[in-house]
């Protein structure tokens, strides 16, 4: 006598549906650029136009002063200091503490810290 083949039962796990990640604006990171751009506008653009604006942006991001031809740490601190602080706030406060996750769960559409 032949044994009957037993039927195997296949159970499928429920798939989780994740919302597609949309475009968000990191406010803390963007806010770090505001002091650099506003200073370059006030000092450079109002003084020399677009050329002065570009010189101020170069001075604040690299530390090279195009007017004197020397390197200066004050330019980097003034320009990239707030940018780095904003990126750190975005990373640690928004990411590690879960503020961005709370904003996403609350349904805030575009804004993240």
PDB file of N, CA and C in Angstrom:
ATOM      1  N   UNK A   1       0.816  -1.178   0.000  1.00  0.00           N
ATOM      2  CA  UNK A   1       0.000   0.000   0.000  1.00  0.00           C
ATOM      3  C   UNK A   1       0.868   1.252   0.000  1.00  0.00           C
ATOM      4  N   UNK A   2       0.536   2.205  -0.829  1.00  0.00           N
ATOM      5  CA  UNK A   2       1.281   3.452  -0.957  1.00  0.00           C
ATOM      6  C   UNK A   2       0.738   4.474   0.026  1.00  0.00           C
ATOM      7  N   UNK A   3       1.652   5.194   0.588  1.00  0.00           N
ATOM      8  CA  UNK A   3       1.248   6.256   1.508  1.00  0.00           C
ATOM      9  C   UNK A   3       0.776   7.467   0.723  1.00  0.00           C
ATOM     10  N   UNK A   4      -0.231   8.131   1.254  1.00  0.00           N
ATOM     11  CA  UNK A   4      -0.738   9.350   0.608  1.00  0.00           C
ATOM     12  C   UNK A   4       0.189  10.517   0.941  1.00  0.00           C
ATOM     13  N   UNK A   5       0.419  11.352  -0.033  1.00  0.00           N
ATOM     14  CA  UNK A   5       1.277  12.513   0.164  1.00  0.00           C
ATOM     15  C   UNK A   5       0.534  13.534   1.014  1.00  0.00           C
ATOM     16  N   UNK A   6       1.184  14.035   2.048  1.00  0.00           N
ATOM     17  CA  UNK A   6       0.531  15.028   2.897  1.00  0.00           C
ATOM     18  C   UNK A   6       0.653  16.396   2.253  1.00  0.00           C
ATOM     19  N   UNK A   7      -0.351  17.157   2.437  1.00  0.00           N
ATOM     20  CA  UNK A   7      -0.406  18.493   1.845  1.00  0.00           C
ATOM     21  C   UNK A   7       0.362  19.465   2.738  1.00  0.00           C
ATOM     22  N   UNK A   8       1.245  20.249   2.142  1.00  0.00           N
ATOM     23  CA  UNK A   8       1.985  21.238   2.915  1.00  0.00           C
ATOM     24  C   UNK A   8       1.218  22.553   2.881  1.00  0.00           C
ATOM     25  N   UNK A   9       1.183  23.189   4.002  1.00  0.00           N
ATOM     26  CA  UNK A   9       0.495  24.470   4.112  1.00  0.00           C
ATOM     27  C   UNK A   9       1.543  25.573   4.063  1.00  0.00           C
ATOM     28  N   UNK A  10       1.369  26.496   3.140  1.00  0.00           N
ATOM     29  CA  UNK A  10       2.291  27.611   2.995  1.00  0.00           C
ATOM     30  C   UNK A  10       1.647  28.861   3.582  1.00  0.00           C
ATOM     31  N   UNK A  11       2.334  29.446   4.529  1.00  0.00           N
ATOM     32  CA  UNK A  11       1.837  30.678   5.142  1.00  0.00           C
ATOM     33  C   UNK A  11       2.768  31.814   4.725  1.00  0.00           C
ATOM     34  N   UNK A  12       2.169  32.837   4.193  1.00  0.00           N
ATOM     35  CA  UNK A  12       2.938  33.991   3.736  1.00  0.00           C
ATOM     36  C   UNK A  12       2.890  35.081   4.796  1.00  0.00           C
ATOM     37  N   UNK A  13       4.016  35.700   4.995  1.00  0.00           N
ATOM     38  CA  UNK A  13       4.076  36.806   5.945  1.00  0.00           C
ATOM     39  C   UNK A  13       3.422  38.029   5.317  1.00  0.00           C
ATOM     40  N   UNK A  14       2.768  38.797   6.160  1.00  0.00           N
ATOM     41  CA  UNK A  14       2.155  40.024   5.656  1.00  0.00           C
ATOM     42  C   UNK A  14       3.259  41.013   5.315  1.00  0.00           C
ATOM     43  N   UNK A  15       3.138  41.597   4.161  1.00  0.00           N
ATOM     44  CA  UNK A  15       4.131  42.579   3.738  1.00  0.00           C
ATOM     45  C   UNK A  15       3.757  43.941   4.292  1.00  0.00           C
ATOM     46  N   UNK A  16       4.763  44.619   4.766  1.00  0.00           N
ATOM     47  CA  UNK A  16       4.545  45.979   5.243  1.00  0.00           C
ATOM     48  C   UNK A  16       4.676  46.928   4.062  1.00  0.00           C
ATOM     49  N   UNK A  17       3.780  47.830   3.987  1.00  0.00           N
ATOM     50  CA  UNK A  17       3.831  48.821   2.912  1.00  0.00           C
ATOM     51  C   UNK A  17       4.373  50.112   3.493  1.00  0.00           C
ATOM     52  N   UNK A  18       5.497  50.522   2.978  1.00  0.00           N
ATOM     53  CA  UNK A  18       6.124  51.745   3.450  1.00  0.00           C
ATOM     54  C   UNK A  18       5.771  52.879   2.508  1.00  0.00           C
ATOM     55  N   UNK A  19       5.583  54.045   3.109  1.00  0.00           N
ATOM     56  CA  UNK A  19       5.306  55.228   2.309  1.00  0.00           C
ATOM     57  C   UNK A  19       6.583  55.618   1.557  1.00  0.00           C
ATOM     58  N   UNK A  20       6.433  55.960   0.307  1.00  0.00           N
ATOM     59  CA  UNK A  20       7.578  56.357  -0.494  1.00  0.00           C
ATOM     60  C   UNK A  20       8.148  57.661   0.062  1.00  0.00           C
ATOM     61  N   UNK A  21       9.453  57.694   0.227  1.00  0.00           N
ATOM     62  CA  UNK A  21      10.109  58.873   0.776  1.00  0.00           C
ATOM     63  C   UNK A  21       9.970  60.029  -0.195  1.00  0.00           C
ATOM     64  N   UNK A  22       9.450  61.130   0.274  1.00  0.00           N
ATOM     65  CA  UNK A  22       9.282  62.301  -0.568  1.00  0.00           C
ATOM     66  C   UNK A  22      10.380  63.320  -0.318  1.00  0.00           C
ATOM     67  N   UNK A  23      10.277  64.420  -0.969  1.00  0.00           N
ATOM     68  CA  UNK A  23      11.246  65.500  -0.843  1.00  0.00           C
ATOM     69  C   UNK A  23      11.003  66.257   0.447  1.00  0.00           C
ATOM     70  N   UNK A  24      12.039  66.444   1.252  1.00  0.00           N
ATOM     71  CA  UNK A  24      11.918  67.211   2.485  1.00  0.00           C
ATOM     72  C   UNK A  24      13.040  68.242   2.547  1.00  0.00           C
ATOM     73  N   UNK A  25      12.795  69.314   3.242  1.00  0.00           N
ATOM     74  CA  UNK A  25      13.783  70.367   3.419  1.00  0.00           C
ATOM     75  C   UNK A  25      14.332  70.320   4.841  1.00  0.00           C
ATOM     76  N   UNK A  26      15.624  70.102   5.015  1.00  0.00           N
ATOM     77  CA  UNK A  26      16.200  70.127   6.361  1.00  0.00           C
ATOM     78  C   UNK A  26      16.425  71.575   6.798  1.00  0.00           C
ATOM     79  N   UNK A  27      15.560  72.072   7.671  1.00  0.00           N
ATOM     80  CA  UNK A  27      15.604  73.481   8.053  1.00  0.00           C
ATOM     81  C   UNK A  27      16.879  73.869   8.783  1.00  0.00           C
ATOM     82  N   UNK A  28      17.367  73.024   9.666  1.00  0.00           N
ATOM     83  CA  UNK A  28      18.580  73.363  10.416  1.00  0.00           C
ATOM     84  C   UNK A  28      19.780  73.503   9.480  1.00  0.00           C
ATOM     85  N   UNK A  29      19.872  72.639   8.493  1.00  0.00           N
ATOM     86  CA  UNK A  29      20.998  72.716   7.561  1.00  0.00           C
ATOM     87  C   UNK A  29      20.894  73.951   6.666  1.00  0.00           C
ATOM     88  N   UNK A  30      19.692  74.267   6.229  1.00  0.00           N
ATOM     89  CA  UNK A  30      19.496  75.451   5.386  1.00  0.00           C
ATOM     90  C   UNK A  30      19.714  76.728   6.181  1.00  0.00           C
ATOM     91  N   UNK A  31      19.289  76.722   7.438  1.00  0.00           N
ATOM     92  CA  UNK A  31      19.445  77.914   8.278  1.00  0.00           C
ATOM     93  C   UNK A  31      20.910  78.244   8.514  1.00  0.00           C
ATOM     94  N   UNK A  32      21.793  77.269   8.423  1.00  0.00           N
ATOM     95  CA  UNK A  32      23.216  77.536   8.583  1.00  0.00           C
ATOM     96  C   UNK A  32      23.798  78.381   7.465  1.00  0.00           C
ATOM     97  N   UNK A  33      23.183  78.359   6.296  1.00  0.00           N
ATOM     98  CA  UNK A  33      23.679  79.143   5.162  1.00  0.00           C
ATOM     99  C   UNK A  33      23.205  80.598   5.203  1.00  0.00           C
ATOM    100  N   UNK A  34      22.193  80.895   5.982  1.00  0.00           N
ATOM    101  CA  UNK A  34      21.614  82.244   6.003  1.00  0.00           C
ATOM    102  C   UNK A  34      22.617  83.299   6.461  1.00  0.00           C
ATOM    103  N   UNK A  35      23.376  83.100   7.567  1.00  0.00           N
ATOM    104  CA  UNK A  35      24.342  84.142   7.945  1.00  0.00           C
ATOM    105  C   UNK A  35      25.425  84.375   6.895  1.00  0.00           C
ATOM    106  N   UNK A  36      25.879  83.302   6.234  1.00  0.00           N
ATOM    107  CA  UNK A  36      26.918  83.450   5.223  1.00  0.00           C
ATOM    108  C   UNK A  36      26.411  84.258   4.032  1.00  0.00           C
ATOM    109  N   UNK A  37      25.238  83.930   3.556  1.00  0.00           N
ATOM    110  CA  UNK A  37      24.696  84.614   2.382  1.00  0.00           C
ATOM    111  C   UNK A  37      24.318  86.057   2.714  1.00  0.00           C
ATOM    112  N   UNK A  38      23.758  86.280   3.904  1.00  0.00           N
ATOM    113  CA  UNK A  38      23.362  87.649   4.248  1.00  0.00           C
ATOM    114  C   UNK A  38      24.583  88.549   4.422  1.00  0.00           C
ATOM    115  N   UNK A  39      25.660  88.029   5.018  1.00  0.00           N
ATOM    116  CA  UNK A  39      26.874  88.830   5.159  1.00  0.00           C
ATOM    117  C   UNK A  39      27.491  89.109   3.790  1.00  0.00           C
ATOM    118  N   UNK A  40      27.504  88.109   2.930  1.00  0.00           N
ATOM    119  CA  UNK A  40      28.060  88.318   1.588  1.00  0.00           C
ATOM    120  C   UNK A  40      27.223  89.328   0.812  1.00  0.00           C
ATOM    121  N   UNK A  41      25.923  89.330   1.028  1.00  0.00           N
ATOM    122  CA  UNK A  41      25.075  90.307   0.357  1.00  0.00           C
ATOM    123  C   UNK A  41      25.330  91.712   0.900  1.00  0.00           C
ATOM    124  N   UNK A  42      25.359  91.843   2.232  1.00  0.00           N
ATOM    125  CA  UNK A  42      25.539  93.163   2.837  1.00  0.00           C
ATOM    126  C   UNK A  42      26.898  93.767   2.505  1.00  0.00           C
ATOM    127  N   UNK A  43      27.940  92.996   2.628  1.00  0.00           N
ATOM    128  CA  UNK A  43      29.288  93.526   2.442  1.00  0.00           C
ATOM    129  C   UNK A  43      29.713  93.479   0.969  1.00  0.00           C
ATOM    130  N   UNK A  44      29.519  92.343   0.331  1.00  0.00           N
ATOM    131  CA  UNK A  44      30.042  92.172  -1.023  1.00  0.00           C
ATOM    132  C   UNK A  44      29.160  92.735  -2.113  1.00  0.00           C
ATOM    133  N   UNK A  45      27.886  92.329  -2.126  1.00  0.00           N
ATOM    134  CA  UNK A  45      27.011  92.724  -3.230  1.00  0.00           C
ATOM    135  C   UNK A  45      26.691  94.214  -3.203  1.00  0.00           C
ATOM    136  N   UNK A  46      26.450  94.744  -2.020  1.00  0.00           N
ATOM    137  CA  UNK A  46      26.145  96.176  -1.932  1.00  0.00           C
ATOM    138  C   UNK A  46      27.365  97.030  -2.225  1.00  0.00           C
ATOM    139  N   UNK A  47      28.557  96.490  -2.019  1.00  0.00           N
ATOM    140  CA  UNK A  47      29.777  97.248  -2.275  1.00  0.00           C
ATOM    141  C   UNK A  47      30.256  97.142  -3.707  1.00  0.00           C
ATOM    142  N   UNK A  48      30.353  95.919  -4.247  1.00  0.00           N
ATOM    143  CA  UNK A  48      30.948  95.721  -5.566  1.00  0.00           C
ATOM    144  C   UNK A  48      30.048  94.980  -6.542  1.00  0.00           C
ATOM    145  N   UNK A  49      28.866  94.625  -6.144  1.00  0.00           N
ATOM    146  CA  UNK A  49      27.979  93.888  -7.035  1.00  0.00           C
ATOM    147  C   UNK A  49      28.217  92.391  -6.938  1.00  0.00           C
ATOM    148  N   UNK A  50      27.960  91.701  -8.017  1.00  0.00           N
ATOM    149  CA  UNK A  50      28.046  90.241  -8.017  1.00  0.00           C
ATOM    150  C   UNK A  50      29.486  89.769  -7.820  1.00  0.00           C
ATOM    151  N   UNK A  51      30.446  90.550  -8.283  1.00  0.00           N
ATOM    152  CA  UNK A  51      31.858  90.196  -8.101  1.00  0.00           C
ATOM    153  C   UNK A  51      32.230  90.213  -6.612  1.00  0.00           C
ATOM    154  N   UNK A  52      31.793  91.215  -5.907  1.00  0.00           N
ATOM    155  CA  UNK A  52      32.050  91.294  -4.468  1.00  0.00           C
ATOM    156  C   UNK A  52      31.324  90.202  -3.696  1.00  0.00           C
ATOM    157  N   UNK A  53      30.121  89.860  -4.153  1.00  0.00           N
ATOM    158  CA  UNK A  53      29.366  88.772  -3.528  1.00  0.00           C
ATOM    159  C   UNK A  53      30.138  87.462  -3.659  1.00  0.00           C
ATOM    160  N   UNK A  54      30.675  87.196  -4.834  1.00  0.00           N
ATOM    161  CA  UNK A  54      31.462  85.981  -5.057  1.00  0.00           C
ATOM    162  C   UNK A  54      32.727  85.959  -4.229  1.00  0.00           C
ATOM    163  N   UNK A  55      33.383  87.105  -4.113  1.00  0.00           N
ATOM    164  CA  UNK A  55      34.599  87.177  -3.299  1.00  0.00           C
ATOM    165  C   UNK A  55      34.297  86.884  -1.838  1.00  0.00           C
ATOM    166  N   UNK A  56      33.191  87.397  -1.338  1.00  0.00           N
ATOM    167  CA  UNK A  56      32.825  87.143   0.057  1.00  0.00           C
ATOM    168  C   UNK A  56      32.469  85.679   0.294  1.00  0.00           C
ATOM    169  N   UNK A  57      31.792  85.055  -0.656  1.00  0.00           N
ATOM    170  CA  UNK A  57      31.473  83.633  -0.524  1.00  0.00           C
ATOM    171  C   UNK A  57      32.755  82.801  -0.517  1.00  0.00           C
ATOM    172  N   UNK A  58      33.702  83.134  -1.389  1.00  0.00           N
ATOM    173  CA  UNK A  58      34.995  82.433  -1.407  1.00  0.00           C
ATOM    174  C   UNK A  58      35.714  82.628  -0.086  1.00  0.00           C
ATOM    175  N   UNK A  59      35.721  83.847   0.429  1.00  0.00           N
ATOM    176  CA  UNK A  59      36.400  84.144   1.688  1.00  0.00           C
ATOM    177  C   UNK A  59      35.774  83.366   2.843  1.00  0.00           C
ATOM    178  N   UNK A  60      34.451  83.255   2.865  1.00  0.00           N
ATOM    179  CA  UNK A  60      33.792  82.607   3.982  1.00  0.00           C
ATOM    180  C   UNK A  60      33.796  81.084   3.886  1.00  0.00           C
ATOM    181  N   UNK A  61      33.991  80.533   2.724  1.00  0.00           N
ATOM    182  CA  UNK A  61      34.013  79.076   2.614  1.00  0.00           C
ATOM    183  C   UNK A  61      35.426  78.498   2.619  1.00  0.00           C
ATOM    184  N   UNK A  62      36.406  79.238   2.110  1.00  0.00           N
ATOM    185  CA  UNK A  62      37.766  78.707   2.049  1.00  0.00           C
ATOM    186  C   UNK A  62      38.725  79.400   3.001  1.00  0.00           C
ATOM    187  N   UNK A  63      38.421  80.624   3.406  1.00  0.00           N
ATOM    188  CA  UNK A  63      39.324  81.372   4.266  1.00  0.00           C
ATOM    189  C   UNK A  63      40.337  82.209   3.506  1.00  0.00           C
ATOM    190  N   UNK A  64      40.320  82.131   2.187  1.00  0.00           N
ATOM    191  CA  UNK A  64      41.243  82.920   1.369  1.00  0.00           C
ATOM    192  C   UNK A  64      40.635  84.288   1.112  1.00  0.00           C
ATOM    193  N   UNK A  65      41.375  85.326   1.499  1.00  0.00           N
ATOM    194  CA  UNK A  65      40.906  86.694   1.300  1.00  0.00           C
ATOM    195  C   UNK A  65      41.413  87.194  -0.048  1.00  0.00           C
ATOM    196  N   UNK A  66      40.518  87.340  -1.051  1.00  0.00           N
ATOM    197  CA  UNK A  66      40.984  87.770  -2.373  1.00  0.00           C
ATOM    198  C   UNK A  66      41.506  89.205  -2.386  1.00  0.00           C
ATOM    199  N   UNK A  67      41.122  90.013  -1.418  1.00  0.00           N
ATOM    200  CA  UNK A  67      41.568  91.407  -1.388  1.00  0.00           C
ATOM    201  C   UNK A  67      43.025  91.514  -0.956  1.00  0.00           C
ATOM    202  N   UNK A  68      43.419  90.753   0.062  1.00  0.00           N
ATOM    203  CA  UNK A  68      44.800  90.826   0.549  1.00  0.00           C
ATOM    204  C   UNK A  68      45.669  89.685   0.037  1.00  0.00           C
ATOM    205  N   UNK A  69      45.053  88.616  -0.443  1.00  0.00           N
ATOM    206  CA  UNK A  69      45.817  87.474  -0.931  1.00  0.00           C
ATOM    207  C   UNK A  69      46.341  86.582   0.181  1.00  0.00           C
ATOM    208  N   UNK A  70      45.739  86.657   1.364  1.00  0.00           N
ATOM    209  CA  UNK A  70      46.191  85.862   2.510  1.00  0.00           C
ATOM    210  C   UNK A  70      45.059  84.961   3.003  1.00  0.00           C
ATOM    211  N   UNK A  71      45.451  83.946   3.764  1.00  0.00           N
ATOM    212  CA  UNK A  71      44.485  83.028   4.367  1.00  0.00           C
ATOM    213  C   UNK A  71      44.127  83.534   5.759  1.00  0.00           C
ATOM    214  N   UNK A  72      42.854  83.396   6.121  1.00  0.00           N
ATOM    215  CA  UNK A  72      42.382  83.900   7.409  1.00  0.00           C
ATOM    216  C   UNK A  72      41.325  82.953   7.965  1.00  0.00           C
ATOM    217  N   UNK A  73      41.528  82.500   9.212  1.00  0.00           N
ATOM    218  CA  UNK A  73      40.570  81.574   9.829  1.00  0.00           C
ATOM    219  C   UNK A  73      39.253  82.247  10.176  1.00  0.00           C
ATOM    220  N   UNK A  74      39.241  83.559  10.346  1.00  0.00           N
ATOM    221  CA  UNK A  74      37.996  84.251  10.698  1.00  0.00           C
ATOM    222  C   UNK A  74      36.932  84.103   9.610  1.00  0.00           C
ATOM    223  N   UNK A  75      37.364  84.048   8.377  1.00  0.00           N
ATOM    224  CA  UNK A  75      36.415  83.863   7.283  1.00  0.00           C
ATOM    225  C   UNK A  75      35.746  82.506   7.336  1.00  0.00           C
ATOM    226  N   UNK A  76      36.518  81.466   7.628  1.00  0.00           N
ATOM    227  CA  UNK A  76      35.946  80.119   7.718  1.00  0.00           C
ATOM    228  C   UNK A  76      34.995  80.026   8.907  1.00  0.00           C
ATOM    229  N   UNK A  77      35.402  80.594  10.032  1.00  0.00           N
ATOM    230  CA  UNK A  77      34.549  80.534  11.221  1.00  0.00           C
ATOM    231  C   UNK A  77      33.245  81.278  10.978  1.00  0.00           C
ATOM    232  N   UNK A  78      33.312  82.429  10.339  1.00  0.00           N
ATOM    233  CA  UNK A  78      32.112  83.214  10.068  1.00  0.00           C
ATOM    234  C   UNK A  78      31.206  82.548   9.043  1.00  0.00           C
ATOM    235  N   UNK A  79      31.794  81.917   8.038  1.00  0.00           N
ATOM    236  CA  UNK A  79      30.994  81.339   6.965  1.00  0.00           C
ATOM    237  C   UNK A  79      30.576  79.907   7.200  1.00  0.00           C
ATOM    238  N   UNK A  80      31.545  79.023   7.444  1.00  0.00           N
ATOM    239  CA  UNK A  80      31.227  77.605   7.576  1.00  0.00           C
ATOM    240  C   UNK A  80      30.858  77.193   8.996  1.00  0.00           C
ATOM    241  N   UNK A  81      31.130  78.044   9.967  1.00  0.00           N
ATOM    242  CA  UNK A  81      30.758  77.729  11.355  1.00  0.00           C
ATOM    243  C   UNK A  81      29.265  77.487  11.522  1.00  0.00           C
ATOM    244  N   UNK A  82      28.413  78.436  11.117  1.00  0.00           N
ATOM    245  CA  UNK A  82      26.970  78.197  11.228  1.00  0.00           C
ATOM    246  C   UNK A  82      26.472  77.036  10.363  1.00  0.00           C
ATOM    247  N   UNK A  83      27.116  76.808   9.224  1.00  0.00           N
ATOM    248  CA  UNK A  83      26.711  75.694   8.352  1.00  0.00           C
ATOM    249  C   UNK A  83      26.978  74.366   9.061  1.00  0.00           C
ATOM    250  N   UNK A  84      28.151  74.231   9.659  1.00  0.00           N
ATOM    251  CA  UNK A  84      28.500  72.995  10.365  1.00  0.00           C
ATOM    252  C   UNK A  84      27.599  72.804  11.577  1.00  0.00           C
ATOM    253  N   UNK A  85      27.318  73.879  12.311  1.00  0.00           N
ATOM    254  CA  UNK A  85      26.405  73.772  13.452  1.00  0.00           C
ATOM    255  C   UNK A  85      25.004  73.353  13.007  1.00  0.00           C
ATOM    256  N   UNK A  86      24.546  73.882  11.887  1.00  0.00           N
ATOM    257  CA  UNK A  86      23.233  73.498  11.367  1.00  0.00           C
ATOM    258  C   UNK A  86      23.179  72.043  10.940  1.00  0.00           C
ATOM    259  N   UNK A  87      24.243  71.566  10.304  1.00  0.00           N
ATOM    260  CA  UNK A  87      24.291  70.161   9.901  1.00  0.00           C
ATOM    261  C   UNK A  87      24.357  69.243  11.116  1.00  0.00           C
ATOM    262  N   UNK A  88      25.084  69.658  12.148  1.00  0.00           N
ATOM    263  CA  UNK A  88      25.142  68.853  13.375  1.00  0.00           C
ATOM    264  C   UNK A  88      23.790  68.817  14.075  1.00  0.00           C
ATOM    265  N   UNK A  89      23.086  69.944  14.096  1.00  0.00           N
ATOM    266  CA  UNK A  89      21.758  69.967  14.694  1.00  0.00           C
ATOM    267  C   UNK A  89      20.808  69.080  13.911  1.00  0.00           C
ATOM    268  N   UNK A  90      20.912  69.097  12.592  1.00  0.00           N
ATOM    269  CA  UNK A  90      20.075  68.238  11.757  1.00  0.00           C
ATOM    270  C   UNK A  90      20.356  66.767  12.044  1.00  0.00           C
ATOM    271  N   UNK A  91      21.618  66.430  12.200  1.00  0.00           N
ATOM    272  CA  UNK A  91      22.010  65.036  12.415  1.00  0.00           C
ATOM    273  C   UNK A  91      21.626  64.549  13.812  1.00  0.00           C
ATOM    274  N   UNK A  92      22.012  65.296  14.837  1.00  0.00           N
ATOM    275  CA  UNK A  92      21.861  64.795  16.194  1.00  0.00           C
ATOM    276  C   UNK A  92      20.486  65.081  16.789  1.00  0.00           C
ATOM    277  N   UNK A  93      20.017  66.313  16.671  1.00  0.00           N
ATOM    278  CA  UNK A  93      18.703  66.637  17.242  1.00  0.00           C
ATOM    279  C   UNK A  93      17.596  66.030  16.399  1.00  0.00           C
ATOM    280  N   UNK A  94      17.704  66.195  15.091  1.00  0.00           N
ATOM    281  CA  UNK A  94      16.663  65.654  14.214  1.00  0.00           C
ATOM    282  C   UNK A  94      16.710  64.150  14.085  1.00  0.00           C
ATOM    283  N   UNK A  95      17.908  63.591  14.026  1.00  0.00           N
ATOM    284  CA  UNK A  95      18.042  62.158  13.785  1.00  0.00           C
ATOM    285  C   UNK A  95      18.096  61.324  15.049  1.00  0.00           C
ATOM    286  N   UNK A  96      19.048  61.602  15.911  1.00  0.00           N
ATOM    287  CA  UNK A  96      19.259  60.779  17.105  1.00  0.00           C
ATOM    288  C   UNK A  96      18.134  60.924  18.119  1.00  0.00           C
ATOM    289  N   UNK A  97      17.613  62.125  18.293  1.00  0.00           N
ATOM    290  CA  UNK A  97      16.527  62.326  19.258  1.00  0.00           C
ATOM    291  C   UNK A  97      15.156  62.010  18.676  1.00  0.00           C
ATOM    292  N   UNK A  98      15.082  61.827  17.371  1.00  0.00           N
ATOM    293  CA  UNK A  98      13.836  61.404  16.751  1.00  0.00           C
ATOM    294  C   UNK A  98      12.857  62.519  16.426  1.00  0.00           C
ATOM    295  N   UNK A  99      13.322  63.751  16.365  1.00  0.00           N
ATOM    296  CA  UNK A  99      12.417  64.863  16.051  1.00  0.00           C
ATOM    297  C   UNK A  99      11.893  64.734  14.629  1.00  0.00           C
ATOM    298  N   UNK A 100      12.758  64.348  13.691  1.00  0.00           N
ATOM    299  CA  UNK A 100      12.314  64.201  12.302  1.00  0.00           C
ATOM    300  C   UNK A 100      11.293  63.072  12.166  1.00  0.00           C
ATOM    301  N   UNK A 101      11.466  62.011  12.912  1.00  0.00           N
ATOM    302  CA  UNK A 101      10.508  60.904  12.879  1.00  0.00           C
ATOM    303  C   UNK A 101       9.148  61.360  13.433  1.00  0.00           C
ATOM    304  N   UNK A 102       9.197  62.166  14.498  1.00  0.00           N
ATOM    305  CA  UNK A 102       7.945  62.686  15.067  1.00  0.00           C
ATOM    306  C   UNK A 102       7.244  63.613  14.079  1.00  0.00           C
ATOM    307  N   UNK A 103       8.004  64.439  13.383  1.00  0.00           N
ATOM    308  CA  UNK A 103       7.398  65.322  12.390  1.00  0.00           C
ATOM    309  C   UNK A 103       6.773  64.514  11.258  1.00  0.00           C
ATOM    310  N   UNK A 104       7.448  63.452  10.849  1.00  0.00           N
ATOM    311  CA  UNK A 104       6.911  62.604   9.784  1.00  0.00           C
ATOM    312  C   UNK A 104       5.659  61.883  10.216  1.00  0.00           C
ATOM    313  N   UNK A 105       5.630  61.374  11.456  1.00  0.00           N
ATOM    314  CA  UNK A 105       4.446  60.671  11.946  1.00  0.00           C
ATOM    315  C   UNK A 105       3.271  61.613  12.183  1.00  0.00           C
ATOM    316  N   UNK A 106       3.591  62.880  12.480  1.00  0.00           N
ATOM    317  CA  UNK A 106       2.525  63.863  12.705  1.00  0.00           C
ATOM    318  C   UNK A 106       1.916  64.331  11.399  1.00  0.00           C
ATOM    319  N   UNK A 107       2.564  64.029  10.287  1.00  0.00           N
ATOM    320  CA  UNK A 107       2.018  64.388   8.986  1.00  0.00           C
ATOM    321  C   UNK A 107       2.471  65.734   8.475  1.00  0.00           C
ATOM    322  N   UNK A 108       3.533  66.282   9.039  1.00  0.00           N
ATOM    323  CA  UNK A 108       4.074  67.549   8.548  1.00  0.00           C
ATOM    324  C   UNK A 108       4.655  67.279   7.165  1.00  0.00           C
ATOM    325  N   UNK A 109       4.207  67.991   6.127  1.00  0.00           N
ATOM    326  CA  UNK A 109       4.509  67.562   4.757  1.00  0.00           C
ATOM    327  C   UNK A 109       5.943  67.694   4.295  1.00  0.00           C
ATOM    328  N   UNK A 110       6.570  68.838   4.355  1.00  0.00           N
ATOM    329  CA  UNK A 110       7.852  69.049   3.676  1.00  0.00           C
ATOM    330  C   UNK A 110       8.987  69.311   4.662  1.00  0.00           C
ATOM    331  N   UNK A 111       8.687  69.785   5.839  1.00  0.00           N
ATOM    332  CA  UNK A 111       9.690  70.303   6.742  1.00  0.00           C
ATOM    333  C   UNK A 111      10.251  69.209   7.652  1.00  0.00           C
ATOM    334  N   UNK A 112      11.575  69.203   7.794  1.00  0.00           N
ATOM    335  CA  UNK A 112      12.267  68.366   8.759  1.00  0.00           C
ATOM    336  C   UNK A 112      13.298  69.240   9.464  1.00  0.00           C
ATOM    337  N   UNK A 113      13.751  68.793  10.627  1.00  0.00           N
ATOM    338  CA  UNK A 113      14.748  69.571  11.358  1.00  0.00           C
ATOM    339  C   UNK A 113      16.051  69.222  10.767  1.00  0.00           C
TER     340      UNK A 113
END
